[in-house]
C-alpha atoms as a PDB file:
ATOM      1  CA  MET A   1      11.387  18.065  24.330  1.00  0.00           C
ATOM      2  CA  GLN A   2      10.837  14.376  23.567  1.00  0.00           C
ATOM      3  CA  ARG A   3      10.118  13.722  27.259  1.00  0.00           C
ATOM      4  CA  TYR A   4       7.588  16.549  27.359  1.00  0.00           C
ATOM      5  CA  LYS A   5       5.987  15.195  24.218  1.00  0.00           C
ATOM      6  CA  ILE A   6       5.537  11.769  25.763  1.00  0.00           C
ATOM      7  CA  VAL A   7       4.132  13.233  28.971  1.00  0.00           C
ATOM      8  CA  PHE A   8       1.696  15.433  27.042  1.00  0.00           C
ATOM      9  CA  LEU A   9       0.438  12.618  24.818  1.00  0.00           C
ATOM     10  CA  ALA A  10       0.181  10.249  27.764  1.00  0.00           C
ATOM     11  CA  SER A  11      -2.039  12.783  29.511  1.00  0.00           C
ATOM     12  CA  LEU A  12      -4.251  12.899  26.410  1.00  0.00           C
ATOM     13  CA  LEU A  13      -4.591   9.118  26.566  1.00  0.00           C
ATOM     14  CA  VAL A  14      -5.612   9.218  30.223  1.00  0.00           C
ATOM     15  CA  ALA A  15      -8.153  11.947  29.524  1.00  0.00           C
ATOM     16  CA  GLY A  16      -9.507  10.040  26.542  1.00  0.00           C
ATOM     17  CA  GLY A  17      -9.837   6.897  28.616  1.00  0.00           C
ATOM     18  CA  ALA A  18     -11.785   8.764  31.284  1.00  0.00           C
ATOM     19  CA  ILE A  19     -14.174  10.188  28.697  1.00  0.00           C
ATOM     20  CA  ALA A  20     -14.583   6.787  27.067  1.00  0.00           C
ATOM     21  CA  THR A  21     -15.429   5.215  30.435  1.00  0.00           C
ATOM     22  CA  LEU A  22     -18.231   7.737  30.968  1.00  0.00           C
ATOM     23  CA  LEU A  23     -19.562   7.289  27.432  1.00  0.00           C
ATOM     24  CA  TRP A  24     -19.070   3.524  27.173  1.00  0.00           C
ATOM     25  CA  PRO A  25     -22.740   2.600  27.863  1.00  0.00           C
ATOM     26  CA  TYR A  26     -23.768   4.836  24.978  1.00  0.00           C
ATOM     27  CA  ALA A  27     -21.052   3.843  22.527  1.00  0.00           C
ATOM     28  CA  GLN A  28     -21.989   1.668  19.562  1.00  0.00           C
ATOM     29  CA  SER A  29     -19.601  -0.742  17.906  1.00  0.00           C
ATOM     30  CA  ALA A  30     -20.379  -1.323  14.244  1.00  0.00           C
ATOM     31  CA  LEU A  31     -18.814  -2.633  11.075  1.00  0.00           C
ATOM     32  CA  ASN A  32     -20.139   0.190   8.998  1.00  0.00           C
ATOM     33  CA  GLY A  33     -19.244   3.091   6.755  1.00  0.00           C
ATOM     34  CA  ASP A  34     -20.348   5.781   4.368  1.00  0.00           C
ATOM     35  CA  ASP A  35     -20.785   5.672   0.619  1.00  0.00           C
ATOM     36  CA  THR A  36     -21.076   9.421   0.099  1.00  0.00           C
ATOM     37  CA  PRO A  37     -18.328  11.700  -1.298  1.00  0.00           C
ATOM     38  CA  ASP A  38     -15.935  13.071   1.279  1.00  0.00           C
ATOM     39  CA  GLN A  39     -16.136  16.825   1.791  1.00  0.00           C
ATOM     40  CA  ASP A  40     -12.953  17.405   3.805  1.00  0.00           C
ATOM     41  CA  ARG A  41     -10.171  15.925   1.677  1.00  0.00           C
ATOM     42  CA  SER A  42      -7.749  18.686   2.641  1.00  0.00           C
ATOM     43  CA  ARG A  43      -7.804  17.837   6.349  1.00  0.00           C
ATOM     44  CA  ALA A  44      -5.549  15.298   7.971  1.00  0.00           C
ATOM     45  CA  ASP A  45      -6.974  12.616  10.264  1.00  0.00           C
ATOM     46  CA  THR A  46      -6.142  12.160  13.896  1.00  0.00           C
ATOM     47  CA  SER A  47      -3.937   9.127  14.491  1.00  0.00           C
ATOM     48  CA  PRO A  48      -4.860   6.931  17.430  1.00  0.00           C
ATOM     49  CA  LEU A  49      -3.543   7.604  20.875  1.00  0.00           C
ATOM     50  CA  PRO A  50      -1.243   4.745  21.905  1.00  0.00           C
ATOM     51  CA  GLY A  51      -2.637   1.449  23.073  1.00  0.00           C
ATOM     52  CA  PHE A  52      -2.458  -2.281  22.601  1.00  0.00           C
ATOM     53  CA  GLY A  53       0.930  -2.071  20.886  1.00  0.00           C
ATOM     54  CA  GLY A  54       3.213  -5.068  20.446  1.00  0.00           C
ATOM     55  CA  GLY A  55       3.365  -8.484  22.034  1.00  0.00           C
ATOM     56  CA  TYR A  56       0.688 -10.236  19.976  1.00  0.00           C
ATOM     57  CA  VAL A  57       1.377 -13.493  18.145  1.00  0.00           C
ATOM     58  CA  SER A  58      -0.644 -13.779  14.946  1.00  0.00           C
ATOM     59  CA  LEU A  59      -0.980 -15.937  11.887  1.00  0.00           C
ATOM     60  CA  GLY A  60       0.255 -13.922   8.943  1.00  0.00           C
ATOM     61  CA  GLY A  61      -1.110 -13.900   5.431  1.00  0.00           C
ATOM     62  CA  ASP A  62       1.757 -16.211   4.450  1.00  0.00           C
ATOM     63  CA  GLY A  63       0.536 -18.897   6.879  1.00  0.00           C
ATOM     64  CA  LYS A  64       3.434 -18.442   9.313  1.00  0.00           C
ATOM     65  CA  MET A  65       3.327 -17.362  12.934  1.00  0.00           C
ATOM     66  CA  HIS A  66       4.448 -13.782  13.399  1.00  0.00           C
ATOM     67  CA  VAL A  67       5.372 -11.636  16.395  1.00  0.00           C
ATOM     68  CA  PRO A  68       5.439  -7.849  15.902  1.00  0.00           C
ATOM     69  CA  SER A  69       8.998  -6.559  15.779  1.00  0.00           C
ATOM     70  CA  THR A  70       8.136  -3.875  18.336  1.00  0.00           C
ATOM     71  CA  GLY A  71       6.606  -6.314  20.813  1.00  0.00           C
ATOM     72  CA  ALA A  72       7.922  -8.861  23.277  1.00  0.00           C
ATOM     73  CA  LYS A  73       8.336 -12.516  22.353  1.00  0.00           C
ATOM     74  CA  ILE A  74       5.574 -14.481  24.031  1.00  0.00           C
ATOM     75  CA  LEU A  75       4.228 -18.030  24.206  1.00  0.00           C
ATOM     76  CA  GLY A  76       7.622 -19.357  23.197  1.00  0.00           C
ATOM     77  CA  PHE A  77       7.439 -18.097  19.637  1.00  0.00           C
ATOM     78  CA  VAL A  78      10.606 -16.594  18.211  1.00  0.00           C
ATOM     79  CA  GLN A  79      10.214 -13.556  16.054  1.00  0.00           C
ATOM     80  CA  ARG A  80      10.342 -14.498  12.403  1.00  0.00           C
ATOM     81  CA  GLN A  81      13.206 -12.899  10.533  1.00  0.00           C
ATOM     82  CA  GLU A  82      12.932 -11.630   6.964  1.00  0.00           C
ATOM     83  CA  THR A  83      15.695 -13.633   5.298  1.00  0.00           C
ATOM     84  CA  LYS A  84      14.493 -13.976   1.710  1.00  0.00           C
ATOM     85  CA  ALA A  85      14.790 -11.369  -0.989  1.00  0.00           C
ATOM     86  CA  PRO A  86      12.067  -8.715  -1.166  1.00  0.00           C
ATOM     87  CA  PRO A  87       9.048  -9.791  -3.242  1.00  0.00           C
ATOM     88  CA  LYS A  88       8.243  -8.140  -6.546  1.00  0.00           C
ATOM     89  CA  ALA A  89       6.506  -4.810  -6.004  1.00  0.00           C
ATOM     90  CA  ASN A  90       3.305  -5.780  -7.826  1.00  0.00           C
ATOM     91  CA  CYS A  91       0.687  -4.802  -5.221  1.00  0.00           C
ATOM     92  CA  SER A  92       0.317  -8.433  -4.173  1.00  0.00           C
ATOM     93  CA  ARG A  93      -0.572  -9.284  -0.586  1.00  0.00           C
ATOM     94  CA  GLU A  94       2.914 -10.702  -0.149  1.00  0.00           C
ATOM     95  CA  ALA A  95       4.479  -7.398  -1.187  1.00  0.00           C
ATOM     96  CA  ILE A  96       2.105  -5.324   0.958  1.00  0.00           C
ATOM     97  CA  ILE A  97       2.782  -7.460   4.049  1.00  0.00           C
ATOM     98  CA  TYR A  98       6.518  -7.393   3.451  1.00  0.00           C
ATOM     99  CA  TYR A  99       6.814  -3.624   3.150  1.00  0.00           C
ATOM    100  CA  ALA A 100       4.379  -3.009   5.995  1.00  0.00           C
ATOM    101  CA  ARG A 101       6.627  -5.050   8.270  1.00  0.00           C
ATOM    102  CA  GLN A 102       9.665  -3.212   6.946  1.00  0.00           C
ATOM    103  CA  ALA A 103       8.143   0.222   7.611  1.00  0.00           C
ATOM    104  CA  PRO A 104       9.063   0.694  11.309  1.00  0.00           C
ATOM    105  CA  LYS A 105      12.773   0.099  10.753  1.00  0.00           C
ATOM    106  CA  ASN A 106      12.874   2.055   7.471  1.00  0.00           C
ATOM    107  CA  PHE A 107      11.300   5.151   9.005  1.00  0.00           C
ATOM    108  CA  LYS A 108      13.704   8.103   9.212  1.00  0.00           C
ATOM    109  CA  GLU A 109      12.463  10.518  11.845  1.00  0.00           C
ATOM    110  CA  ASP A 110      15.493  12.784  11.541  1.00  0.00           C
ATOM    111  CA  LYS A 111      14.586  13.428   7.889  1.00  0.00           C
ATOM    112  CA  LYS A 112      11.137  14.944   8.382  1.00  0.00           C
ATOM    113  CA  GLY A 113       9.610  11.518   8.939  1.00  0.00           C
ATOM    114  CA  LEU A 114      10.744  10.020   5.648  1.00  0.00           C
ATOM    115  CA  LEU A 115       9.193   6.604   4.902  1.00  0.00           C
ATOM    116  CA  PHE A 116      10.002   4.923   1.582  1.00  0.00           C
ATOM    117  CA  GLY A 117      10.628   8.367   0.108  1.00  0.00           C
ATOM    118  CA  VAL A 118       7.392   9.879   1.426  1.00  0.00           C
ATOM    119  CA  ARG A 119       7.611  12.725   3.913  1.00  0.00           C
ATOM    120  CA  THR A 120       5.125  12.135   6.744  1.00  0.00           C
ATOM    121  CA  HIS A 121       5.968  15.108   8.986  1.00  0.00           C
ATOM    122  CA  THR A 122       4.192  17.840   7.058  1.00  0.00           C
ATOM    123  CA  ASN A 123       2.174  20.889   8.086  1.00  0.00           C
ATOM    124  CA  ALA A 124      -1.009  18.944   7.378  1.00  0.00           C
ATOM    125  CA  THR A 125      -0.075  16.303   9.950  1.00  0.00           C
ATOM    126  CA  ALA A 126       1.143  18.536  12.786  1.00  0.00           C
ATOM    127  CA  ILE A 127      -0.694  19.662  15.915  1.00  0.00           C
ATOM    128  CA  ASP A 128      -0.112  22.693  18.130  1.00  0.00           C
ATOM    129  CA  THR A 129       0.142  22.115  21.880  1.00  0.00           C
ATOM    130  CA  PRO A 130       1.040  24.260  24.901  1.00  0.00           C
ATOM    131  CA  ILE A 131       4.603  22.920  24.714  1.00  0.00           C
ATOM    132  CA  GLY A 132       5.175  23.219  20.989  1.00  0.00           C
ATOM    133  CA  ARG A 133       4.193  21.940  17.567  1.00  0.00           C
ATOM    134  CA  PHE A 134       4.333  18.167  17.053  1.00  0.00           C
ATOM    135  CA  ALA A 135       4.944  17.119  13.456  1.00  0.00           C
ATOM    136  CA  GLY A 136       3.632  13.789  12.219  1.00  0.00           C
ATOM    137  CA  PHE A 137       0.875  13.342  14.808  1.00  0.00           C
ATOM    138  CA  ASN A 138      -1.762  12.864  12.084  1.00  0.00           C
ATOM    139  CA  SER A 139       0.373  10.864   9.632  1.00  0.00           C
ATOM    140  CA  CYS A 140      -1.682   7.666   9.431  1.00  0.00           C
ATOM    141  CA  ALA A 141      -2.781   8.135   5.801  1.00  0.00           C
ATOM    142  CA  LEU A 142       0.718   9.118   4.640  1.00  0.00           C
ATOM    143  CA  VAL A 143       2.204   6.041   6.319  1.00  0.00           C
ATOM    144  CA  ALA A 144      -0.400   3.756   4.721  1.00  0.00           C
ATOM    145  CA  THR A 145       0.014   5.217   1.232  1.00  0.00           C
ATOM    146  CA  ALA A 146       3.814   5.107   1.503  1.00  0.00           C
ATOM    147  CA  ILE A 147       3.591   1.362   2.230  1.00  0.00           C
ATOM    148  CA  LEU A 148       1.100   0.708  -0.568  1.00  0.00           C
ATOM    149  CA  ARG A 149       3.144   2.697  -3.093  1.00  0.00           C
ATOM    150  CA  LYS A 150       6.337   0.876  -2.099  1.00  0.00           C
ATOM    151  CA  ALA A 151       4.511  -2.435  -2.548  1.00  0.00           C
ATOM    152  CA  GLY A 152       3.610  -1.448  -6.116  1.00  0.00           C
ATOM    153  CA  CYS A 153       0.016  -0.245  -5.711  1.00  0.00           C
ATOM    154  CA  ARG A 154       0.312   2.532  -8.277  1.00  0.00           C
ATOM    155  CA  TRP A 155      -3.310   3.576  -7.858  1.00  0.00           C
ATOM    156  CA  SER A 156      -2.559   4.686  -4.290  1.00  0.00           C
ATOM    157  CA  LYS A 157      -1.979   8.439  -4.189  1.00  0.00           C
ATOM    158  CA  ILE A 158       0.019  10.107  -1.419  1.00  0.00           C
ATOM    159  CA  THR A 159      -2.518  11.785   0.861  1.00  0.00           C
ATOM    160  CA  ALA A 160      -2.965  12.930   4.450  1.00  0.00           C
ATOM    161  CA  ASN A 161      -6.634  11.900   4.409  1.00  0.00           C
ATOM    162  CA  ALA A 162      -7.540   8.489   5.841  1.00  0.00           C
ATOM    163  CA  LYS A 163     -10.852   8.175   3.999  1.00  0.00           C
ATOM    164  CA  ALA A 164      -9.133   8.906   0.677  1.00  0.00           C
ATOM    165  CA  VAL A 165      -6.857   5.855   1.217  1.00  0.00           C
ATOM    166  CA  TYR A 166      -9.868   3.574   1.727  1.00  0.00           C
ATOM    167  CA  ASP A 167     -11.862   5.102  -1.147  1.00  0.00           C
ATOM    168  CA  ALA A 168      -8.995   4.750  -3.634  1.00  0.00           C
ATOM    169  CA  ALA A 169      -8.653   1.037  -2.847  1.00  0.00           C
ATOM    170  CA  TYR A 170     -12.421   0.558  -3.129  1.00  0.00           C
ATOM    171  CA  ARG A 171     -12.455   2.208  -6.560  1.00  0.00           C
ATOM    172  CA  ASN A 172      -9.714  -0.194  -7.662  1.00  0.00           C
ATOM    173  CA  GLY A 173     -11.619  -3.353  -6.784  1.00  0.00           C
ATOM    174  CA  TRP A 174     -10.767  -3.917  -3.123  1.00  0.00           C
ATOM    175  CA  ARG A 175     -13.806  -4.987  -1.123  1.00  0.00           C
ATOM    176  CA  PRO A 176     -14.929  -5.062   2.534  1.00  0.00           C
ATOM    177  CA  THR A 177     -14.587  -8.245   4.540  1.00  0.00           C
ATOM    178  CA  ILE A 178     -15.491  -9.130   8.116  1.00  0.00           C
ATOM    179  CA  TYR A 179     -12.316 -11.185   8.538  1.00  0.00           C
ATOM    180  CA  GLN A 180      -8.854  -9.701   8.737  1.00  0.00           C
ATOM    181  CA  ASP A 181      -6.036 -11.108   6.648  1.00  0.00           C
ATOM    182  CA  GLY A 182      -2.604  -9.795   5.817  1.00  0.00           C
ATOM    183  CA  GLY A 183      -2.173  -7.301   3.001  1.00  0.00           C
ATOM    184  CA  CYS A 184      -5.439  -5.414   3.561  1.00  0.00           C
ATOM    185  CA  ILE A 185      -6.373  -1.899   4.603  1.00  0.00           C
ATOM    186  CA  VAL A 186      -7.762  -1.524   8.106  1.00  0.00           C
ATOM    187  CA  ALA A 187      -9.738   1.571   9.065  1.00  0.00           C
ATOM    188  CA  TRP A 188     -11.214   2.921  12.278  1.00  0.00           C
ATOM    189  CA  ASN A 189     -13.993   5.422  12.960  1.00  0.00           C
ATOM    190  CA  SER A 190     -14.063   7.146  16.330  1.00  0.00           C
ATOM    191  CA  ARG A 191     -16.818   6.440  18.828  1.00  0.00           C
ATOM    192  CA  TRP A 192     -17.775  10.108  18.943  1.00  0.00           C
ATOM    193  CA  GLU A 193     -19.822  12.110  16.509  1.00  0.00           C
ATOM    194  CA  GLY A 194     -18.052  14.948  14.704  1.00  0.00           C
ATOM    195  CA  LYS A 195     -17.661  16.731  11.367  1.00  0.00           C
ATOM    196  CA  ARG A 196     -15.673  14.185   9.325  1.00  0.00           C
ATOM    197  CA  THR A 197     -17.411  11.783   6.949  1.00  0.00           C
ATOM    198  CA  ARG A 198     -16.905   8.276   8.288  1.00  0.00           C
ATOM    199  CA  ILE A 199     -14.812   5.707   6.462  1.00  0.00           C
ATOM    200  CA  GLY A 200     -16.668   2.816   4.845  1.00  0.00           C
ATOM    201  CA  ARG A 201     -18.452   1.680   1.693  1.00  0.00           C
ATOM    202  CA  GLY A 202     -20.464  -1.272   0.446  1.00  0.00           C
ATOM    203  CA  VAL A 203     -21.527  -3.609   3.252  1.00  0.00           C
ATOM    204  CA  HIS A 204     -19.817  -1.318   5.748  1.00  0.00           C
ATOM    205  CA  ALA A 205     -22.361   1.385   4.912  1.00  0.00           C
ATOM    206  CA  LYS A 206     -25.484  -0.757   5.310  1.00  0.00           C
ATOM    207  CA  THR A 207     -25.440  -0.736   9.105  1.00  0.00           C
ATOM    208  CA  MET A 208     -24.106   2.784   9.470  1.00  0.00           C
ATOM    209  CA  ALA A 209     -24.691   4.130  12.988  1.00  0.00           C
ATOM    210  CA  ARG A 210     -24.023   7.743  12.078  1.00  0.00           C
ATOM    211  CA  ASN A 211     -22.723   9.569   9.055  1.00  0.00           C
ATOM    212  CA  ARG A 212     -19.996  11.730  10.623  1.00  0.00           C
ATOM    213  CA  VAL A 213     -17.409  11.106  13.306  1.00  0.00           C
ATOM    214  CA  LEU A 214     -14.895  13.092  15.333  1.00  0.00           C
ATOM    215  CA  PHE A 215     -11.778  11.487  13.829  1.00  0.00           C
ATOM    216  CA  ARG A 216     -10.643   8.542  11.695  1.00  0.00           C
ATOM    217  CA  HIS A 217      -7.590   6.346  11.276  1.00  0.00           C
ATOM    218  CA  VAL A 218      -6.131   3.900   8.742  1.00  0.00           C
ATOM    219  CA  GLY A 219      -3.372   1.291   8.542  1.00  0.00           C
ATOM    220  CA  VAL A 220      -2.173  -1.836   6.704  1.00  0.00           C
ATOM    221  CA  THR A 221      -2.695  -5.339   8.073  1.00  0.00           C
ATOM    222  CA  THR A 222       0.126  -7.866   8.355  1.00  0.00           C
ATOM    223  CA  GLY A 223      -1.805 -10.812   9.784  1.00  0.00           C
ATOM    224  CA  SER A 224      -4.587 -11.791  12.126  1.00  0.00           C
ATOM    225  CA  ASN A 225      -5.490  -8.757  14.288  1.00  0.00           C
ATOM    226  CA  ILE A 226      -2.148  -7.007  13.683  1.00  0.00           C
ATOM    227  CA  SER A 227      -1.539  -3.865  11.647  1.00  0.00           C
ATOM    228  CA  VAL A 228       1.175  -1.332  10.879  1.00  0.00           C
ATOM    229  CA  ASP A 229      -0.033   2.236  11.291  1.00  0.00           C
ATOM    230  CA  ASN A 230       1.129   5.586  12.574  1.00  0.00           C
ATOM    231  CA  SER A 231       1.465   5.897  16.340  1.00  0.00           C
ATOM    232  CA  ALA A 232       0.550   9.341  17.650  1.00  0.00           C
ATOM    233  CA  ILE A 233       2.856   9.098  20.655  1.00  0.00           C
ATOM    234  CA  THR A 234       5.942   8.501  18.495  1.00  0.00           C
ATOM    235  CA  SER A 235       4.765   9.972  15.172  1.00  0.00           C
ATOM    236  CA  ALA A 236       6.159   6.866  13.489  1.00  0.00           C
ATOM    237  CA  PRO A 237       4.847   3.606  11.976  1.00  0.00           C
ATOM    238  CA  SER A 238       4.540   0.731  14.430  1.00  0.00           C
ATOM    239  CA  GLU A 239       2.877  -2.667  14.700  1.00  0.00           C
ATOM    240  CA  SER A 240      -0.081  -2.974  17.028  1.00  0.00           C
ATOM    241  CA  TYR A 241      -3.340  -4.766  17.725  1.00  0.00           C
ATOM    242  CA  THR A 242      -6.278  -3.701  15.545  1.00  0.00           C
ATOM    243  CA  TYR A 243      -8.966  -3.811  18.239  1.00  0.00           C
ATOM    244  CA  ARG A 244      -8.946  -0.453  20.070  1.00  0.00           C
ATOM    245  CA  PRO A 245     -12.250  -0.233  21.949  1.00  0.00           C
ATOM    246  CA  ILE A 246     -11.549   2.888  24.026  1.00  0.00           C
ATOM    247  CA  MET A 247     -11.294   5.392  21.182  1.00  0.00           C
ATOM    248  CA  TYR A 248     -12.707   3.554  18.171  1.00  0.00           C
ATOM    249  CA  GLU A 249     -15.559   1.456  16.862  1.00  0.00           C
ATOM    250  CA  ALA A 250     -14.701  -2.036  15.645  1.00  0.00           C
ATOM    251  CA  PRO A 251     -12.073  -1.997  12.863  1.00  0.00           C
ATOM    252  CA  ILE A 252     -13.223  -2.479   9.266  1.00  0.00           C
ATOM    253  CA  TYR A 253     -11.165  -4.268   6.619  1.00  0.00           C
ATOM    254  CA  LEU A 254     -10.813  -3.692   2.886  1.00  0.00           C
ATOM    255  CA  CYS A 255      -8.950  -6.430   1.007  1.00  0.00           C
ATOM    256  CA  PRO A 256      -7.725  -7.134  -2.529  1.00  0.00           C
ATOM    257  CA  THR A 257      -9.978  -9.331  -4.687  1.00  0.00           C
ATOM    258  CA  LEU A 258      -9.542 -11.399  -7.835  1.00  0.00           C
ATOM    259  CA  LYS A 259     -11.087  -8.486  -9.719  1.00  0.00           C
ATOM    260  CA  SER A 260      -8.506  -6.055  -8.382  1.00  0.00           C
ATOM    261  CA  ALA A 261      -5.705  -8.535  -9.136  1.00  0.00           C
ATOM    262  CA  ARG A 262      -6.799  -8.789 -12.776  1.00  0.00           C
ATOM    263  CA  ARG A 263      -7.006  -5.009 -13.021  1.00  0.00           C
ATOM    264  CA  LYS A 264      -3.501  -4.736 -11.561  1.00  0.00           C
ATOM    265  CA  LYS A 265      -2.019  -6.971 -14.292  1.00  0.00           C
ATOM    266  CA  LYS A 266      -3.367  -4.872 -17.165  1.00  0.00           C
END
């Protein structure tokens, strides 16, 4: 069944790529969003089809070079090992980065997709296909909230809705930035118009191309252009490159601020 699953999802990727090639001249990349209430909180969001995973050296939020644990070692850099004790779970960037990097190896697929005590393979995240029902396909929001909760972000509620993850952080003082750093939320809006309210607030909403999109996605950044988010092909958290031009507009970033840090300490 696993082989059939991979073949089926790979065929979806090929089909998506073909569609994207035809629509590429009409696609619009934008760092934008929507500041209106979401109307479809009960629906899960489609996780991205696989692409650009692993093999990227980046400068992490801690100032050290980092190679994704799921990617090959390149340019002579040796993968950095986590040797020190876990940081205090206080919703700091250090804690968020640490637990994001720990997510792939702590994921327990044989236990309904358990990640840090959060079940990701639920009915809300499954899809029906000609060869069976795939649990966890749409688990991006559950993976992100599991990481944030483990890192001590108590305001983060467990949800299967990608926009709800972004909105909760925004309400708690996190703000959009055009530069990626570790310990932030990264969100994607699809290139195609649909029924879901797009992710984005503040400056992300000022250059909004369109209000609703076909699907959305969310993850947690660990360094420059690298994030941990749910992979549709494996239904598990993995590290990958944030720029995914075939299926998505440019990624948008929401990061902790001094205001949110002060609120956290109260």
